[in-house]
Amino acid sequence: RHSAPLLRRLGEELGQVIVERVDLGPDGEQMARIWGHGIVGMMHAAGD
């Protein structure tokens, strides 16, 4: 319950970076959030 918000915050922050910097087309904002959370999940699981 406490660590999930930590990872979620990282995912949201990375998604915001992506949407600001990468042109992903008309659905770019949603795609960026998907990527942000997916990348954080990958880093966390692989790093663990």
All heavy atoms as atom14 arrays in JSON, in Angstrom:
{
  "sequence": "RHSAPLLRRLGEELGQVIVERVDLGPDGEQMARIWGHGIVGMMHAAGD",
  "atom14_mask": [
    [1, 1, 1, 1, 1, 1, 1, 1, 1, 1, 1, 0, 0, 0],
    [1, 1, 1, 1, 1, 1, 1, 1, 1, 1, 0, 0, 0, 0],
    [1, 1, 1, 1, 1, 1, 0, 0, 0, 0, 0, 0, 0, 0],
    [1, 1, 1, 1, 1, 0, 0, 0, 0, 0, 0, 0, 0, 0],
    [1, 1, 1, 1, 1, 1, 1, 0, 0, 0, 0, 0, 0, 0],
    [1, 1, 1, 1, 1, 1, 1, 1, 0, 0, 0, 0, 0, 0],
    [1, 1, 1, 1, 1, 1, 1, 1, 0, 0, 0, 0, 0, 0],
    [1, 1, 1, 1, 1, 1, 1, 1, 1, 1, 1, 0, 0, 0],
    [1, 1, 1, 1, 1, 1, 1, 1, 1, 1, 1, 0, 0, 0],
    [1, 1, 1, 1, 1, 1, 1, 1, 0, 0, 0, 0, 0, 0],
    [1, 1, 1, 1, 0, 0, 0, 0, 0, 0, 0, 0, 0, 0],
    [1, 1, 1, 1, 1, 1, 1, 1, 1, 0, 0, 0, 0, 0],
    [1, 1, 1, 1, 1, 1, 1, 1, 1, 0, 0, 0, 0, 0],
    [1, 1, 1, 1, 1, 1, 1, 1, 0, 0, 0, 0, 0, 0],
    [1, 1, 1, 1, 0, 0, 0, 0, 0, 0, 0, 0, 0, 0],
    [1, 1, 1, 1, 1, 1, 1, 1, 1, 0, 0, 0, 0, 0],
    [1, 1, 1, 1, 1, 1, 1, 0, 0, 0, 0, 0, 0, 0],
    [1, 1, 1, 1, 1, 1, 1, 1, 0, 0, 0, 0, 0, 0],
    [1, 1, 1, 1, 1, 1, 1, 0, 0, 0, 0, 0, 0, 0],
    [1, 1, 1, 1, 1, 1, 1, 1, 1, 0, 0, 0, 0, 0],
    [1, 1, 1, 1, 1, 1, 1, 1, 1, 1, 1, 0, 0, 0],
    [1, 1, 1, 1, 1, 1, 1, 0, 0, 0, 0, 0, 0, 0],
    [1, 1, 1, 1, 1, 1, 1, 1, 0, 0, 0, 0, 0, 0],
    [1, 1, 1, 1, 1, 1, 1, 1, 0, 0, 0, 0, 0, 0],
    [1, 1, 1, 1, 0, 0, 0, 0, 0, 0, 0, 0, 0, 0],
    [1, 1, 1, 1, 1, 1, 1, 0, 0, 0, 0, 0, 0, 0],
    [1, 1, 1, 1, 1, 1, 1, 1, 0, 0, 0, 0, 0, 0],
    [1, 1, 1, 1, 0, 0, 0, 0, 0, 0, 0, 0, 0, 0],
    [1, 1, 1, 1, 1, 1, 1, 1, 1, 0, 0, 0, 0, 0],
    [1, 1, 1, 1, 1, 1, 1, 1, 1, 0, 0, 0, 0, 0],
    [1, 1, 1, 1, 1, 1, 1, 1, 0, 0, 0, 0, 0, 0],
    [1, 1, 1, 1, 1, 0, 0, 0, 0, 0, 0, 0, 0, 0],
    [1, 1, 1, 1, 1, 1, 1, 1, 1, 1, 1, 0, 0, 0],
    [1, 1, 1, 1, 1, 1, 1, 1, 0, 0, 0, 0, 0, 0],
    [1, 1, 1, 1, 1, 1, 1, 1, 1, 1, 1, 1, 1, 1],
    [1, 1, 1, 1, 0, 0, 0, 0, 0, 0, 0, 0, 0, 0],
    [1, 1, 1, 1, 1, 1, 1, 1, 1, 1, 0, 0, 0, 0],
    [1, 1, 1, 1, 0, 0, 0, 0, 0, 0, 0, 0, 0, 0],
    [1, 1, 1, 1, 1, 1, 1, 1, 0, 0, 0, 0, 0, 0],
    [1, 1, 1, 1, 1, 1, 1, 0, 0, 0, 0, 0, 0, 0],
    [1, 1, 1, 1, 0, 0, 0, 0, 0, 0, 0, 0, 0, 0],
    [1, 1, 1, 1, 1, 1, 1, 1, 0, 0, 0, 0, 0, 0],
    [1, 1, 1, 1, 1, 1, 1, 1, 0, 0, 0, 0, 0, 0],
    [1, 1, 1, 1, 1, 1, 1, 1, 1, 1, 0, 0, 0, 0],
    [1, 1, 1, 1, 1, 0, 0, 0, 0, 0, 0, 0, 0, 0],
    [1, 1, 1, 1, 1, 0, 0, 0, 0, 0, 0, 0, 0, 0],
    [1, 1, 1, 1, 0, 0, 0, 0, 0, 0, 0, 0, 0, 0],
    [1, 1, 1, 1, 1, 1, 1, 1, 0, 0, 0, 0, 0, 0]
  ],
  "atom14_positions": [
    [[0.82, -1.21, 0.0], [0.0, 0.0, 0.0], [0.85, 1.25, 0.0], [0.47, 2.29, -0.54], [-0.91, -0.01, 1.23], [-1.88, 1.17, 1.3], [-2.98, 0.91, 2.31], [-2.44, 0.75, 3.67], [-2.25, 1.78, 4.5], [-2.5, 3.01, 4.1], [-1.79, 1.57, 5.71], [0.0, 0.0, 0.0], [0.0, 0.0, 0.0], [0.0, 0.0, 0.0]],
    [[2.05, 1.17, 0.57], [2.92, 2.33, 0.66], [3.91, 2.41, -0.5], [4.25, 3.5, -0.96], [3.67, 2.34, 1.99], [2.76, 2.56, 3.17], [2.17, 3.77, 3.44], [2.33, 1.72, 4.13], [1.43, 3.67, 4.52], [1.5, 2.44, 4.96], [0.0, 0.0, 0.0], [0.0, 0.0, 0.0], [0.0, 0.0, 0.0], [0.0, 0.0, 0.0]],
    [[4.43, 1.27, -0.98], [5.42, 1.3, -2.05], [4.78, 1.49, -3.42], [5.4, 2.06, -4.31], [6.27, 0.02, -2.04], [5.47, -1.12, -2.28], [0.0, 0.0, 0.0], [0.0, 0.0, 0.0], [0.0, 0.0, 0.0], [0.0, 0.0, 0.0], [0.0, 0.0, 0.0], [0.0, 0.0, 0.0], [0.0, 0.0, 0.0], [0.0, 0.0, 0.0]],
    [[3.54, 1.05, -3.6], [2.88, 1.22, -4.9], [2.79, 2.69, -5.32], [3.08, 3.02, -6.48], [1.5, 0.56, -4.88], [0.0, 0.0, 0.0], [0.0, 0.0, 0.0], [0.0, 0.0, 0.0], [0.0, 0.0, 0.0], [0.0, 0.0, 0.0], [0.0, 0.0, 0.0], [0.0, 0.0, 0.0], [0.0, 0.0, 0.0], [0.0, 0.0, 0.0]],
    [[2.41, 3.62, -4.42], [2.4, 5.03, -4.83], [3.77, 5.55, -5.23], [3.89, 6.43, -6.09], [1.88, 5.76, -3.58], [1.1, 4.73, -2.84], [1.83, 3.44, -3.07], [0.0, 0.0, 0.0], [0.0, 0.0, 0.0], [0.0, 0.0, 0.0], [0.0, 0.0, 0.0], [0.0, 0.0, 0.0], [0.0, 0.0, 0.0], [0.0, 0.0, 0.0]],
    [[4.83, 5.03, -4.62], [6.19, 5.43, -4.98], [6.46, 5.08, -6.44], [6.92, 5.91, -7.23], [7.17, 4.73, -4.04], [8.66, 5.03, -4.09], [9.29, 4.63, -2.76], [9.36, 4.3, -5.22], [0.0, 0.0, 0.0], [0.0, 0.0, 0.0], [0.0, 0.0, 0.0], [0.0, 0.0, 0.0], [0.0, 0.0, 0.0], [0.0, 0.0, 0.0]],
    [[6.16, 3.83, -6.83], [6.36, 3.4, -8.22], [5.42, 4.15, -9.16], [5.79, 4.5, -10.29], [6.15, 1.89, -8.33], [7.17, 1.03, -7.59], [6.74, -0.44, -7.62], [8.56, 1.18, -8.2], [0.0, 0.0, 0.0], [0.0, 0.0, 0.0], [0.0, 0.0, 0.0], [0.0, 0.0, 0.0], [0.0, 0.0, 0.0], [0.0, 0.0, 0.0]],
    [[4.2, 4.39, -8.69], [3.24, 5.1, -9.54], [3.72, 6.52, -9.82], [3.58, 7.04, -10.93], [1.87, 5.12, -8.86], [0.74, 5.53, -9.81], [-0.63, 5.32, -9.16], [-0.81, 3.9, -8.84], [-1.09, 3.46, -7.61], [-1.19, 4.3, -6.6], [-1.26, 2.17, -7.39], [0.0, 0.0, 0.0], [0.0, 0.0, 0.0], [0.0, 0.0, 0.0]],
    [[4.29, 7.14, -8.8], [4.79, 8.5, -9.0], [5.92, 8.51, -10.03], [5.97, 9.37, -10.92], [5.29, 9.07, -7.67], [5.83, 10.48, -7.81], [6.46, 10.98, -6.53], [7.13, 12.25, -6.76], [8.07, 12.75, -5.99], [8.46, 12.09, -4.91], [8.65, 13.9, -6.28], [0.0, 0.0, 0.0], [0.0, 0.0, 0.0], [0.0, 0.0, 0.0]],
    [[6.83, 7.55, -9.94], [7.9, 7.45, -10.92], [7.34, 7.27, -12.32], [7.81, 7.87, -13.29], [8.84, 6.29, -10.57], [9.77, 6.47, -9.37], [10.48, 5.16, -9.05], [10.79, 7.58, -9.63], [0.0, 0.0, 0.0], [0.0, 0.0, 0.0], [0.0, 0.0, 0.0], [0.0, 0.0, 0.0], [0.0, 0.0, 0.0], [0.0, 0.0, 0.0]],
    [[6.31, 6.41, -12.45], [5.7, 6.17, -13.75], [5.06, 7.41, -14.33], [5.21, 7.71, -15.53], [0.0, 0.0, 0.0], [0.0, 0.0, 0.0], [0.0, 0.0, 0.0], [0.0, 0.0, 0.0], [0.0, 0.0, 0.0], [0.0, 0.0, 0.0], [0.0, 0.0, 0.0], [0.0, 0.0, 0.0], [0.0, 0.0, 0.0], [0.0, 0.0, 0.0]],
    [[4.34, 8.16, -13.49], [3.69, 9.39, -13.95], [4.73, 10.43, -14.37], [4.56, 11.13, -15.38], [2.78, 9.95, -12.86], [1.51, 9.15, -12.63], [0.53, 9.22, -13.8], [0.59, 10.18, -14.58], [-0.28, 8.29, -13.92], [0.0, 0.0, 0.0], [0.0, 0.0, 0.0], [0.0, 0.0, 0.0], [0.0, 0.0, 0.0], [0.0, 0.0, 0.0]],
    [[5.78, 10.56, -13.57], [6.82, 11.55, -13.89], [7.5, 11.21, -15.21], [7.74, 12.08, -16.05], [7.86, 11.58, -12.76], [7.34, 12.12, -11.44], [7.45, 13.63, -11.34], [7.99, 14.26, -12.26], [6.99, 14.18, -10.32], [0.0, 0.0, 0.0], [0.0, 0.0, 0.0], [0.0, 0.0, 0.0], [0.0, 0.0, 0.0], [0.0, 0.0, 0.0]],
    [[7.83, 9.93, -15.42], [8.49, 9.54, -16.66], [7.53, 9.7, -17.84], [7.94, 10.15, -18.92], [8.97, 8.09, -16.57], [9.76, 7.56, -17.78], [10.95, 8.46, -18.08], [10.22, 6.13, -17.52], [0.0, 0.0, 0.0], [0.0, 0.0, 0.0], [0.0, 0.0, 0.0], [0.0, 0.0, 0.0], [0.0, 0.0, 0.0], [0.0, 0.0, 0.0]],
    [[6.25, 9.37, -17.64], [5.27, 9.57, -18.71], [5.17, 11.03, -19.11], [5.04, 11.35, -20.3], [0.0, 0.0, 0.0], [0.0, 0.0, 0.0], [0.0, 0.0, 0.0], [0.0, 0.0, 0.0], [0.0, 0.0, 0.0], [0.0, 0.0, 0.0], [0.0, 0.0, 0.0], [0.0, 0.0, 0.0], [0.0, 0.0, 0.0], [0.0, 0.0, 0.0]],
    [[5.25, 11.93, -18.14], [5.2, 13.37, -18.44], [6.41, 13.8, -19.25], [6.3, 14.59, -20.2], [5.12, 14.18, -17.14], [4.86, 15.65, -17.34], [3.57, 15.94, -18.07], [2.56, 15.27, -17.85], [3.6, 16.92, -18.96], [0.0, 0.0, 0.0], [0.0, 0.0, 0.0], [0.0, 0.0, 0.0], [0.0, 0.0, 0.0], [0.0, 0.0, 0.0]],
    [[7.57, 13.28, -18.89], [8.78, 13.59, -19.67], [8.62, 13.13, -21.11], [8.96, 13.85, -22.06], [10.01, 12.91, -19.03], [11.21, 12.96, -19.97], [10.35, 13.56, -17.7], [0.0, 0.0, 0.0], [0.0, 0.0, 0.0], [0.0, 0.0, 0.0], [0.0, 0.0, 0.0], [0.0, 0.0, 0.0], [0.0, 0.0, 0.0], [0.0, 0.0, 0.0]],
    [[8.09, 11.93, -21.29], [7.94, 11.38, -22.64], [6.96, 12.19, -23.47], [7.23, 12.54, -24.63], [7.51, 9.9, -22.57], [8.63, 9.05, -21.97], [7.16, 9.37, -23.96], [8.23, 7.62, -21.65], [0.0, 0.0, 0.0], [0.0, 0.0, 0.0], [0.0, 0.0, 0.0], [0.0, 0.0, 0.0], [0.0, 0.0, 0.0], [0.0, 0.0, 0.0]],
    [[5.79, 12.54, -22.88], [4.79, 13.28, -23.65], [5.3, 14.65, -24.05], [4.92, 15.19, -25.1], [3.46, 13.39, -22.86], [3.53, 14.44, -21.76], [2.29, 13.67, -23.8], [0.0, 0.0, 0.0], [0.0, 0.0, 0.0], [0.0, 0.0, 0.0], [0.0, 0.0, 0.0], [0.0, 0.0, 0.0], [0.0, 0.0, 0.0], [0.0, 0.0, 0.0]],
    [[6.17, 15.23, -23.23], [6.72, 16.56, -23.54], [7.79, 16.5, -24.61], [8.04, 17.49, -25.3], [7.3, 17.19, -22.28], [6.26, 17.62, -21.24], [6.89, 18.06, -19.94], [8.13, 17.94, -19.8], [6.14, 18.51, -19.05], [0.0, 0.0, 0.0], [0.0, 0.0, 0.0], [0.0, 0.0, 0.0], [0.0, 0.0, 0.0], [0.0, 0.0, 0.0]],
    [[8.44, 15.35, -24.79], [9.63, 15.3, -25.62], [9.52, 14.42, -26.85], [10.33, 14.55, -27.77], [10.82, 14.82, -24.77], [11.16, 15.77, -23.65], [11.94, 15.07, -22.55], [12.09, 15.95, -21.4], [13.2, 16.64, -21.13], [14.24, 16.53, -21.91], [13.24, 17.42, -20.08], [0.0, 0.0, 0.0], [0.0, 0.0, 0.0], [0.0, 0.0, 0.0]],
    [[8.57, 13.49, -26.85], [8.49, 12.54, -27.95], [7.15, 12.69, -28.66], [6.09, 12.73, -28.02], [8.65, 11.09, -27.44], [8.62, 10.1, -28.61], [9.96, 10.94, -26.67], [0.0, 0.0, 0.0], [0.0, 0.0, 0.0], [0.0, 0.0, 0.0], [0.0, 0.0, 0.0], [0.0, 0.0, 0.0], [0.0, 0.0, 0.0], [0.0, 0.0, 0.0]],
    [[7.19, 12.77, -29.97], [5.97, 12.89, -30.78], [5.43, 11.49, -31.04], [5.95, 10.75, -31.89], [6.29, 13.6, -32.09], [5.05, 13.86, -32.92], [3.95, 13.45, -32.48], [5.17, 14.46, -34.0], [0.0, 0.0, 0.0], [0.0, 0.0, 0.0], [0.0, 0.0, 0.0], [0.0, 0.0, 0.0], [0.0, 0.0, 0.0], [0.0, 0.0, 0.0]],
    [[4.37, 11.13, -30.33], [3.79, 9.8, -30.47], [2.45, 9.83, -31.19], [1.69, 8.86, -31.13], [3.61, 9.17, -29.07], [4.91, 8.89, -28.31], [4.59, 8.4, -26.89], [5.76, 7.88, -29.05], [0.0, 0.0, 0.0], [0.0, 0.0, 0.0], [0.0, 0.0, 0.0], [0.0, 0.0, 0.0], [0.0, 0.0, 0.0], [0.0, 0.0, 0.0]],
    [[2.16, 10.93, -31.86], [0.95, 10.99, -32.66], [-0.26, 11.45, -31.86], [-0.15, 11.93, -30.73], [0.0, 0.0, 0.0], [0.0, 0.0, 0.0], [0.0, 0.0, 0.0], [0.0, 0.0, 0.0], [0.0, 0.0, 0.0], [0.0, 0.0, 0.0], [0.0, 0.0, 0.0], [0.0, 0.0, 0.0], [0.0, 0.0, 0.0], [0.0, 0.0, 0.0]],
    [[-1.47, 11.26, -32.44], [-2.68, 11.81, -31.83], [-3.0, 11.24, -30.44], [-3.62, 11.91, -29.62], [-3.79, 11.45, -32.83], [-3.2, 10.43, -33.75], [-1.73, 10.62, -33.73], [0.0, 0.0, 0.0], [0.0, 0.0, 0.0], [0.0, 0.0, 0.0], [0.0, 0.0, 0.0], [0.0, 0.0, 0.0], [0.0, 0.0, 0.0], [0.0, 0.0, 0.0]],
    [[-2.63, 10.01, -30.17], [-2.87, 9.43, -28.84], [-1.61, 9.47, -27.98], [-1.42, 8.64, -27.09], [-3.33, 7.97, -28.97], [-4.68, 7.85, -29.67], [-5.5, 8.77, -29.47], [-4.89, 6.89, -30.41], [0.0, 0.0, 0.0], [0.0, 0.0, 0.0], [0.0, 0.0, 0.0], [0.0, 0.0, 0.0], [0.0, 0.0, 0.0], [0.0, 0.0, 0.0]],
    [[-0.76, 10.47, -28.25], [0.55, 10.53, -27.62], [0.52, 10.6, -26.11], [1.35, 9.98, -25.44], [0.0, 0.0, 0.0], [0.0, 0.0, 0.0], [0.0, 0.0, 0.0], [0.0, 0.0, 0.0], [0.0, 0.0, 0.0], [0.0, 0.0, 0.0], [0.0, 0.0, 0.0], [0.0, 0.0, 0.0], [0.0, 0.0, 0.0], [0.0, 0.0, 0.0]],
    [[-0.45, 11.35, -25.54], [-0.46, 11.5, -24.08], [-0.75, 10.17, -23.39], [-0.08, 9.8, -22.43], [-1.5, 12.54, -23.66], [-1.47, 12.83, -22.16], [-2.31, 14.03, -21.78], [-2.79, 14.74, -22.69], [-2.49, 14.26, -20.57], [0.0, 0.0, 0.0], [0.0, 0.0, 0.0], [0.0, 0.0, 0.0], [0.0, 0.0, 0.0], [0.0, 0.0, 0.0]],
    [[-1.75, 9.45, -23.91], [-2.06, 8.15, -23.32], [-0.91, 7.17, -23.53], [-0.54, 6.42, -22.61], [-3.34, 7.59, -23.93], [-3.78, 6.27, -23.28], [-5.05, 5.73, -23.88], [-5.07, 5.35, -25.06], [-6.12, 5.72, -23.09], [0.0, 0.0, 0.0], [0.0, 0.0, 0.0], [0.0, 0.0, 0.0], [0.0, 0.0, 0.0], [0.0, 0.0, 0.0]],
    [[-0.34, 7.17, -24.73], [0.79, 6.27, -25.02], [1.97, 6.57, -24.1], [2.64, 5.66, -23.59], [1.22, 6.41, -26.48], [2.39, 5.5, -26.88], [1.92, 3.76, -26.86], [0.92, 3.7, -28.35], [0.0, 0.0, 0.0], [0.0, 0.0, 0.0], [0.0, 0.0, 0.0], [0.0, 0.0, 0.0], [0.0, 0.0, 0.0], [0.0, 0.0, 0.0]],
    [[2.24, 7.86, -23.86], [3.37, 8.24, -23.0], [3.17, 7.73, -21.58], [4.12, 7.28, -20.93], [3.54, 9.76, -23.0], [0.0, 0.0, 0.0], [0.0, 0.0, 0.0], [0.0, 0.0, 0.0], [0.0, 0.0, 0.0], [0.0, 0.0, 0.0], [0.0, 0.0, 0.0], [0.0, 0.0, 0.0], [0.0, 0.0, 0.0], [0.0, 0.0, 0.0]],
    [[1.94, 7.8, -21.08], [1.67, 7.29, -19.73], [1.85, 5.77, -19.68], [2.39, 5.23, -18.71], [0.26, 7.67, -19.28], [0.07, 9.16, -19.05], [-1.28, 9.45, -18.43], [-1.32, 9.05, -17.03], [-2.45, 8.92, -16.35], [-3.61, 9.13, -16.93], [-2.41, 8.58, -15.08], [0.0, 0.0, 0.0], [0.0, 0.0, 0.0], [0.0, 0.0, 0.0]],
    [[1.39, 5.09, -20.71], [1.59, 3.64, -20.79], [3.08, 3.32, -20.77], [3.53, 2.45, -20.01], [0.93, 3.06, -22.06], [-0.6, 3.16, -21.96], [1.36, 1.61, -22.27], [-1.32, 2.84, -23.26], [0.0, 0.0, 0.0], [0.0, 0.0, 0.0], [0.0, 0.0, 0.0], [0.0, 0.0, 0.0], [0.0, 0.0, 0.0], [0.0, 0.0, 0.0]],
    [[3.83, 4.03, -21.58], [5.28, 3.8, -21.63], [5.93, 4.13, -20.29], [6.79, 3.39, -19.81], [5.9, 4.67, -22.72], [5.72, 4.13, -24.1], [4.84, 3.17, -24.5], [6.43, 4.54, -25.27], [4.95, 2.96, -25.85], [5.92, 3.79, -26.34], [7.43, 5.48, -25.51], [6.39, 3.94, -27.64], [7.9, 5.63, -26.8], [7.4, 4.86, -27.87]],
    [[5.54, 5.25, -19.68], [6.15, 5.66, -18.42], [5.99, 4.59, -17.35], [6.95, 4.18, -16.7], [0.0, 0.0, 0.0], [0.0, 0.0, 0.0], [0.0, 0.0, 0.0], [0.0, 0.0, 0.0], [0.0, 0.0, 0.0], [0.0, 0.0, 0.0], [0.0, 0.0, 0.0], [0.0, 0.0, 0.0], [0.0, 0.0, 0.0], [0.0, 0.0, 0.0]],
    [[4.76, 4.11, -17.18], [4.52, 3.09, -16.16], [5.14, 1.75, -16.56], [5.65, 1.03, -15.69], [3.01, 2.93, -15.91], [2.42, 4.09, -15.18], [2.6, 4.27, -13.82], [1.67, 5.14, -15.61], [1.97, 5.37, -13.45], [1.41, 5.92, -14.5], [0.0, 0.0, 0.0], [0.0, 0.0, 0.0], [0.0, 0.0, 0.0], [0.0, 0.0, 0.0]],
    [[5.12, 1.44, -17.85], [5.73, 0.19, -18.31], [7.23, 0.18, -18.1], [7.8, -0.83, -17.64], [0.0, 0.0, 0.0], [0.0, 0.0, 0.0], [0.0, 0.0, 0.0], [0.0, 0.0, 0.0], [0.0, 0.0, 0.0], [0.0, 0.0, 0.0], [0.0, 0.0, 0.0], [0.0, 0.0, 0.0], [0.0, 0.0, 0.0], [0.0, 0.0, 0.0]],
    [[7.89, 1.29, -18.39], [9.34, 1.37, -18.22], [9.72, 1.28, -16.75], [10.67, 0.58, -16.37], [9.89, 2.67, -18.86], [9.77, 2.59, -20.39], [11.36, 2.88, -18.47], [10.02, 3.91, -21.09], [0.0, 0.0, 0.0], [0.0, 0.0, 0.0], [0.0, 0.0, 0.0], [0.0, 0.0, 0.0], [0.0, 0.0, 0.0], [0.0, 0.0, 0.0]],
    [[8.97, 1.98, -15.89], [9.25, 1.92, -14.45], [9.03, 0.51, -13.93], [9.83, -0.02, -13.14], [8.38, 2.94, -13.68], [8.41, 2.66, -12.18], [8.89, 4.35, -13.95], [0.0, 0.0, 0.0], [0.0, 0.0, 0.0], [0.0, 0.0, 0.0], [0.0, 0.0, 0.0], [0.0, 0.0, 0.0], [0.0, 0.0, 0.0], [0.0, 0.0, 0.0]],
    [[7.95, -0.14, -14.36], [7.7, -1.51, -13.94], [8.81, -2.44, -14.38], [9.26, -3.31, -13.6], [0.0, 0.0, 0.0], [0.0, 0.0, 0.0], [0.0, 0.0, 0.0], [0.0, 0.0, 0.0], [0.0, 0.0, 0.0], [0.0, 0.0, 0.0], [0.0, 0.0, 0.0], [0.0, 0.0, 0.0], [0.0, 0.0, 0.0], [0.0, 0.0, 0.0]],
    [[9.3, -2.25, -15.6], [10.4, -3.07, -16.1], [11.67, -2.81, -15.3], [12.35, -3.76, -14.89], [10.65, -2.75, -17.58], [11.76, -3.55, -18.22], [12.22, -2.92, -19.85], [13.1, -1.42, -19.39], [0.0, 0.0, 0.0], [0.0, 0.0, 0.0], [0.0, 0.0, 0.0], [0.0, 0.0, 0.0], [0.0, 0.0, 0.0], [0.0, 0.0, 0.0]],
    [[11.99, -1.54, -15.06], [13.2, -1.22, -14.29], [13.12, -1.8, -12.89], [14.11, -2.34, -12.37], [13.4, 0.3, -14.22], [13.86, 0.94, -15.5], [14.46, 2.65, -15.27], [13.08, 3.46, -14.48], [0.0, 0.0, 0.0], [0.0, 0.0, 0.0], [0.0, 0.0, 0.0], [0.0, 0.0, 0.0], [0.0, 0.0, 0.0], [0.0, 0.0, 0.0]],
    [[11.94, -1.67, -12.27], [11.79, -2.16, -10.91], [11.93, -3.68, -10.84], [12.69, -4.21, -10.02], [10.43, -1.74, -10.35], [10.08, -2.39, -9.05], [10.86, -2.24, -7.92], [9.07, -3.22, -8.71], [10.32, -2.94, -6.93], [9.25, -3.55, -7.38], [0.0, 0.0, 0.0], [0.0, 0.0, 0.0], [0.0, 0.0, 0.0], [0.0, 0.0, 0.0]],
    [[11.21, -4.39, -11.72], [11.24, -5.86, -11.68], [12.63, -6.39, -12.04], [13.17, -7.27, -11.35], [10.19, -6.42, -12.63], [0.0, 0.0, 0.0], [0.0, 0.0, 0.0], [0.0, 0.0, 0.0], [0.0, 0.0, 0.0], [0.0, 0.0, 0.0], [0.0, 0.0, 0.0], [0.0, 0.0, 0.0], [0.0, 0.0, 0.0], [0.0, 0.0, 0.0]],
    [[13.21, -5.84, -13.11], [14.53, -6.31, -13.52], [15.59, -5.93, -12.49], [16.49, -6.73, -12.18], [14.89, -5.72, -14.89], [0.0, 0.0, 0.0], [0.0, 0.0, 0.0], [0.0, 0.0, 0.0], [0.0, 0.0, 0.0], [0.0, 0.0, 0.0], [0.0, 0.0, 0.0], [0.0, 0.0, 0.0], [0.0, 0.0, 0.0], [0.0, 0.0, 0.0]],
    [[15.49, -4.73, -11.94], [16.46, -4.29, -10.93], [16.36, -5.1, -9.66], [17.38, -5.43, -9.04], [0.0, 0.0, 0.0], [0.0, 0.0, 0.0], [0.0, 0.0, 0.0], [0.0, 0.0, 0.0], [0.0, 0.0, 0.0], [0.0, 0.0, 0.0], [0.0, 0.0, 0.0], [0.0, 0.0, 0.0], [0.0, 0.0, 0.0], [0.0, 0.0, 0.0]],
    [[15.14, -5.45, -9.25], [14.94, -6.25, -8.05], [15.6, -7.62, -8.22], [16.3, -8.11, -7.32], [13.44, -6.4, -7.81], [13.11, -6.82, -6.39], [13.24, -5.98, -5.49], [12.73, -7.98, -6.19], [0.0, 0.0, 0.0], [0.0, 0.0, 0.0], [0.0, 0.0, 0.0], [0.0, 0.0, 0.0], [0.0, 0.0, 0.0], [0.0, 0.0, 0.0]]
  ]
}
